């Protein structure tokens, strides 16, 4: 997601998201919770590396 999309989703400004991403600012509790919720909602499961597939040989 872009910083603009993240900002829109959590009700913040893009510049705030940029400052947080670059370590220049820590989010307040409400914004932090919104960012965690967004991360959970948009989480992509890891790709299957084939380790759980039966052996074809």
PDB file of N, CA and C in Angstrom:
ATOM      1  N   UNK A   1       0.836  -1.188   0.000  1.00  0.00           N
ATOM      2  CA  UNK A   1       0.000   0.000   0.000  1.00  0.00           C
ATOM      3  C   UNK A   1       0.877   1.247   0.000  1.00  0.00           C
ATOM      4  N   UNK A   2       0.370   2.257  -0.625  1.00  0.00           N
ATOM      5  CA  UNK A   2       1.103   3.524  -0.620  1.00  0.00           C
ATOM      6  C   UNK A   2       0.848   4.263   0.694  1.00  0.00           C
ATOM      7  N   UNK A   3       1.692   5.231   0.981  1.00  0.00           N
ATOM      8  CA  UNK A   3       1.493   6.048   2.173  1.00  0.00           C
ATOM      9  C   UNK A   3       0.162   6.780   2.104  1.00  0.00           C
ATOM     10  N   UNK A   4      -0.223   7.212   0.915  1.00  0.00           N
ATOM     11  CA  UNK A   4      -1.496   7.915   0.736  1.00  0.00           C
ATOM     12  C   UNK A   4      -2.657   6.985   1.077  1.00  0.00           C
ATOM     13  N   UNK A   5      -2.596   5.736   0.599  1.00  0.00           N
ATOM     14  CA  UNK A   5      -3.662   4.770   0.861  1.00  0.00           C
ATOM     15  C   UNK A   5      -3.727   4.413   2.342  1.00  0.00           C
ATOM     16  N   UNK A   6      -2.573   4.243   2.958  1.00  0.00           N
ATOM     17  CA  UNK A   6      -2.529   3.938   4.389  1.00  0.00           C
ATOM     18  C   UNK A   6      -3.130   5.102   5.175  1.00  0.00           C
ATOM     19  N   UNK A   7      -2.720   6.309   4.843  1.00  0.00           N
ATOM     20  CA  UNK A   7      -3.216   7.495   5.537  1.00  0.00           C
ATOM     21  C   UNK A   7      -4.737   7.600   5.418  1.00  0.00           C
ATOM     22  N   UNK A   8      -5.253   7.376   4.231  1.00  0.00           N
ATOM     23  CA  UNK A   8      -6.700   7.455   4.025  1.00  0.00           C
ATOM     24  C   UNK A   8      -7.424   6.385   4.836  1.00  0.00           C
ATOM     25  N   UNK A   9      -6.851   5.205   4.900  1.00  0.00           N
ATOM     26  CA  UNK A   9      -7.493   4.092   5.610  1.00  0.00           C
ATOM     27  C   UNK A   9      -7.532   4.288   7.122  1.00  0.00           C
ATOM     28  N   UNK A  10      -6.543   4.990   7.656  1.00  0.00           N
ATOM     29  CA  UNK A  10      -6.473   5.159   9.116  1.00  0.00           C
ATOM     30  C   UNK A  10      -6.843   6.568   9.578  1.00  0.00           C
ATOM     31  N   UNK A  11      -7.204   7.437   8.659  1.00  0.00           N
ATOM     32  CA  UNK A  11      -7.619   8.785   9.035  1.00  0.00           C
ATOM     33  C   UNK A  11      -6.481   9.697   9.438  1.00  0.00           C
ATOM     34  N   UNK A  12      -5.363   9.581   8.744  1.00  0.00           N
ATOM     35  CA  UNK A  12      -4.207  10.421   9.044  1.00  0.00           C
ATOM     36  C   UNK A  12      -3.732  11.099   7.759  1.00  0.00           C
ATOM     37  N   UNK A  13      -2.746  11.942   7.892  1.00  0.00           N
ATOM     38  CA  UNK A  13      -2.145  12.579   6.724  1.00  0.00           C
ATOM     39  C   UNK A  13      -0.996  11.722   6.204  1.00  0.00           C
ATOM     40  N   UNK A  14      -0.725  11.833   4.920  1.00  0.00           N
ATOM     41  CA  UNK A  14       0.382  11.092   4.316  1.00  0.00           C
ATOM     42  C   UNK A  14       1.690  11.479   4.960  1.00  0.00           C
ATOM     43  N   UNK A  15       1.866  12.736   5.292  1.00  0.00           N
ATOM     44  CA  UNK A  15       3.121  13.187   5.908  1.00  0.00           C
ATOM     45  C   UNK A  15       3.336  12.531   7.271  1.00  0.00           C
ATOM     46  N   UNK A  16       2.252  12.291   7.999  1.00  0.00           N
ATOM     47  CA  UNK A  16       2.355  11.617   9.296  1.00  0.00           C
ATOM     48  C   UNK A  16       2.811  10.178   9.099  1.00  0.00           C
ATOM     49  N   UNK A  17       2.231   9.494   8.127  1.00  0.00           N
ATOM     50  CA  UNK A  17       2.616   8.110   7.841  1.00  0.00           C
ATOM     51  C   UNK A  17       4.079   8.062   7.422  1.00  0.00           C
ATOM     52  N   UNK A  18       4.520   9.028   6.630  1.00  0.00           N
ATOM     53  CA  UNK A  18       5.915   9.087   6.198  1.00  0.00           C
ATOM     54  C   UNK A  18       6.851   9.287   7.379  1.00  0.00           C
ATOM     55  N   UNK A  19       6.514  10.169   8.294  1.00  0.00           N
ATOM     56  CA  UNK A  19       7.352  10.407   9.476  1.00  0.00           C
ATOM     57  C   UNK A  19       7.449   9.157  10.341  1.00  0.00           C
ATOM     58  N   UNK A  20       6.339   8.446  10.496  1.00  0.00           N
ATOM     59  CA  UNK A  20       6.346   7.209  11.273  1.00  0.00           C
ATOM     60  C   UNK A  20       7.206   6.160  10.575  1.00  0.00           C
ATOM     61  N   UNK A  21       7.018   6.015   9.273  1.00  0.00           N
ATOM     62  CA  UNK A  21       7.766   5.012   8.505  1.00  0.00           C
ATOM     63  C   UNK A  21       9.269   5.262   8.547  1.00  0.00           C
ATOM     64  N   UNK A  22       9.650   6.524   8.602  1.00  0.00           N
ATOM     65  CA  UNK A  22      11.068   6.866   8.608  1.00  0.00           C
ATOM     66  C   UNK A  22      11.652   7.013  10.013  1.00  0.00           C
ATOM     67  N   UNK A  23      10.861   6.711  11.025  1.00  0.00           N
ATOM     68  CA  UNK A  23      11.357   6.736  12.400  1.00  0.00           C
ATOM     69  C   UNK A  23      11.493   8.108  13.007  1.00  0.00           C
ATOM     70  N   UNK A  24      10.848   9.122  12.407  1.00  0.00           N
ATOM     71  CA  UNK A  24      10.949  10.478  12.930  1.00  0.00           C
ATOM     72  C   UNK A  24       9.816  10.822  13.892  1.00  0.00           C
ATOM     73  N   UNK A  25       8.870   9.877  14.034  1.00  0.00           N
ATOM     74  CA  UNK A  25       7.704  10.143  14.861  1.00  0.00           C
ATOM     75  C   UNK A  25       7.133   8.805  15.321  1.00  0.00           C
ATOM     76  N   UNK A  26       6.560   8.807  16.511  1.00  0.00           N
ATOM     77  CA  UNK A  26       5.839   7.634  16.998  1.00  0.00           C
ATOM     78  C   UNK A  26       4.354   7.957  16.959  1.00  0.00           C
ATOM     79  N   UNK A  27       3.525   7.004  16.510  1.00  0.00           N
ATOM     80  CA  UNK A  27       2.093   7.285  16.457  1.00  0.00           C
ATOM     81  C   UNK A  27       1.483   7.333  17.852  1.00  0.00           C
ATOM     82  N   UNK A  28       0.415   8.106  17.996  1.00  0.00           N
ATOM     83  CA  UNK A  28      -0.318   8.073  19.262  1.00  0.00           C
ATOM     84  C   UNK A  28      -1.047   6.733  19.338  1.00  0.00           C
ATOM     85  N   UNK A  29      -1.654   6.457  20.501  1.00  0.00           N
ATOM     86  CA  UNK A  29      -2.296   5.159  20.725  1.00  0.00           C
ATOM     87  C   UNK A  29      -3.365   4.866  19.669  1.00  0.00           C
ATOM     88  N   UNK A  30      -4.237   5.833  19.397  1.00  0.00           N
ATOM     89  CA  UNK A  30      -5.334   5.613  18.456  1.00  0.00           C
ATOM     90  C   UNK A  30      -4.826   5.309  17.053  1.00  0.00           C
ATOM     91  N   UNK A  31      -3.855   6.072  16.591  1.00  0.00           N
ATOM     92  CA  UNK A  31      -3.309   5.839  15.256  1.00  0.00           C
ATOM     93  C   UNK A  31      -2.560   4.519  15.222  1.00  0.00           C
ATOM     94  N   UNK A  32      -1.832   4.214  16.256  1.00  0.00           N
ATOM     95  CA  UNK A  32      -1.125   2.934  16.326  1.00  0.00           C
ATOM     96  C   UNK A  32      -2.084   1.768  16.239  1.00  0.00           C
ATOM     97  N   UNK A  33      -3.200   1.842  16.965  1.00  0.00           N
ATOM     98  CA  UNK A  33      -4.205   0.778  16.916  1.00  0.00           C
ATOM     99  C   UNK A  33      -4.817   0.671  15.521  1.00  0.00           C
ATOM    100  N   UNK A  34      -5.056   1.806  14.888  1.00  0.00           N
ATOM    101  CA  UNK A  34      -5.613   1.799  13.529  1.00  0.00           C
ATOM    102  C   UNK A  34      -4.633   1.182  12.545  1.00  0.00           C
ATOM    103  N   UNK A  35      -3.343   1.457  12.713  1.00  0.00           N
ATOM    104  CA  UNK A  35      -2.329   0.878  11.828  1.00  0.00           C
ATOM    105  C   UNK A  35      -2.223  -0.630  12.026  1.00  0.00           C
ATOM    106  N   UNK A  36      -2.293  -1.077  13.270  1.00  0.00           N
ATOM    107  CA  UNK A  36      -2.249  -2.520  13.552  1.00  0.00           C
ATOM    108  C   UNK A  36      -3.471  -3.206  12.945  1.00  0.00           C
ATOM    109  N   UNK A  37      -4.640  -2.618  13.109  1.00  0.00           N
ATOM    110  CA  UNK A  37      -5.864  -3.196  12.555  1.00  0.00           C
ATOM    111  C   UNK A  37      -5.789  -3.268  11.029  1.00  0.00           C
ATOM    112  N   UNK A  38      -5.253  -2.221  10.405  1.00  0.00           N
ATOM    113  CA  UNK A  38      -5.104  -2.213   8.954  1.00  0.00           C
ATOM    114  C   UNK A  38      -4.136  -3.298   8.509  1.00  0.00           C
ATOM    115  N   UNK A  39      -3.039  -3.451   9.221  1.00  0.00           N
ATOM    116  CA  UNK A  39      -2.056  -4.482   8.872  1.00  0.00           C
ATOM    117  C   UNK A  39      -2.677  -5.872   8.962  1.00  0.00           C
ATOM    118  N   UNK A  40      -3.462  -6.107  10.007  1.00  0.00           N
ATOM    119  CA  UNK A  40      -4.119  -7.411  10.159  1.00  0.00           C
ATOM    120  C   UNK A  40      -5.150  -7.640   9.061  1.00  0.00           C
ATOM    121  N   UNK A  41      -5.888  -6.603   8.705  1.00  0.00           N
ATOM    122  CA  UNK A  41      -6.942  -6.726   7.703  1.00  0.00           C
ATOM    123  C   UNK A  41      -6.386  -6.940   6.297  1.00  0.00           C
ATOM    124  N   UNK A  42      -5.169  -6.475   6.055  1.00  0.00           N
ATOM    125  CA  UNK A  42      -4.596  -6.576   4.715  1.00  0.00           C
ATOM    126  C   UNK A  42      -3.461  -7.578   4.642  1.00  0.00           C
ATOM    127  N   UNK A  43      -3.316  -8.388   5.687  1.00  0.00           N
ATOM    128  CA  UNK A  43      -2.228  -9.363   5.742  1.00  0.00           C
ATOM    129  C   UNK A  43      -2.359 -10.377   4.605  1.00  0.00           C
ATOM    130  N   UNK A  44      -1.258 -10.628   3.937  1.00  0.00           N
ATOM    131  CA  UNK A  44      -1.207 -11.607   2.855  1.00  0.00           C
ATOM    132  C   UNK A  44      -0.483 -12.833   3.387  1.00  0.00           C
ATOM    133  N   UNK A  45      -1.112 -14.010   3.296  1.00  0.00           N
ATOM    134  CA  UNK A  45      -0.439 -15.205   3.804  1.00  0.00           C
ATOM    135  C   UNK A  45       0.827 -15.501   2.996  1.00  0.00           C
ATOM    136  N   UNK A  46       1.819 -16.125   3.620  1.00  0.00           N
ATOM    137  CA  UNK A  46       3.046 -16.441   2.900  1.00  0.00           C
ATOM    138  C   UNK A  46       2.777 -17.407   1.755  1.00  0.00           C
ATOM    139  N   UNK A  47       3.586 -17.316   0.735  1.00  0.00           N
ATOM    140  CA  UNK A  47       3.452 -18.203  -0.420  1.00  0.00           C
ATOM    141  C   UNK A  47       3.798 -19.625  -0.019  1.00  0.00           C
ATOM    142  N   UNK A  48       3.161 -20.566  -0.655  1.00  0.00           N
ATOM    143  CA  UNK A  48       3.437 -21.981  -0.406  1.00  0.00           C
ATOM    144  C   UNK A  48       4.793 -22.304  -1.007  1.00  0.00           C
ATOM    145  N   UNK A  49       5.709 -22.777  -0.171  1.00  0.00           N
ATOM    146  CA  UNK A  49       7.052 -23.093  -0.658  1.00  0.00           C
ATOM    147  C   UNK A  49       7.174 -24.554  -1.077  1.00  0.00           C
ATOM    148  N   UNK A  50       6.051 -25.275  -1.083  1.00  0.00           N
ATOM    149  CA  UNK A  50       6.072 -26.669  -1.519  1.00  0.00           C
ATOM    150  C   UNK A  50       6.407 -27.655  -0.426  1.00  0.00           C
ATOM    151  N   UNK A  51       6.748 -27.198   0.761  1.00  0.00           N
ATOM    152  CA  UNK A  51       7.171 -28.090   1.825  1.00  0.00           C
ATOM    153  C   UNK A  51       6.020 -28.944   2.362  1.00  0.00           C
ATOM    154  N   UNK A  52       4.775 -28.476   2.196  1.00  0.00           N
ATOM    155  CA  UNK A  52       3.665 -29.254   2.719  1.00  0.00           C
ATOM    156  C   UNK A  52       2.982 -30.109   1.648  1.00  0.00           C
ATOM    157  N   UNK A  53       3.593 -30.176   0.457  1.00  0.00           N
ATOM    158  CA  UNK A  53       3.044 -30.997  -0.606  1.00  0.00           C
ATOM    159  C   UNK A  53       3.607 -32.415  -0.515  1.00  0.00           C
ATOM    160  N   UNK A  54       2.808 -33.409  -0.888  1.00  0.00           N
ATOM    161  CA  UNK A  54       3.337 -34.786  -0.858  1.00  0.00           C
ATOM    162  C   UNK A  54       4.471 -34.955  -1.864  1.00  0.00           C
ATOM    163  N   UNK A  55       5.378 -35.840  -1.538  1.00  0.00           N
ATOM    164  CA  UNK A  55       6.525 -36.087  -2.400  1.00  0.00           C
ATOM    165  C   UNK A  55       6.063 -36.778  -3.681  1.00  0.00           C
ATOM    166  N   UNK A  56       6.400 -36.211  -4.820  1.00  0.00           N
ATOM    167  CA  UNK A  56       5.938 -36.741  -6.117  1.00  0.00           C
ATOM    168  C   UNK A  56       6.741 -37.957  -6.552  1.00  0.00           C
ATOM    169  N   UNK A  57       7.851 -38.234  -5.931  1.00  0.00           N
ATOM    170  CA  UNK A  57       8.703 -39.339  -6.390  1.00  0.00           C
ATOM    171  C   UNK A  57       8.239 -40.686  -5.917  1.00  0.00           C
TER     172      UNK A  57
END
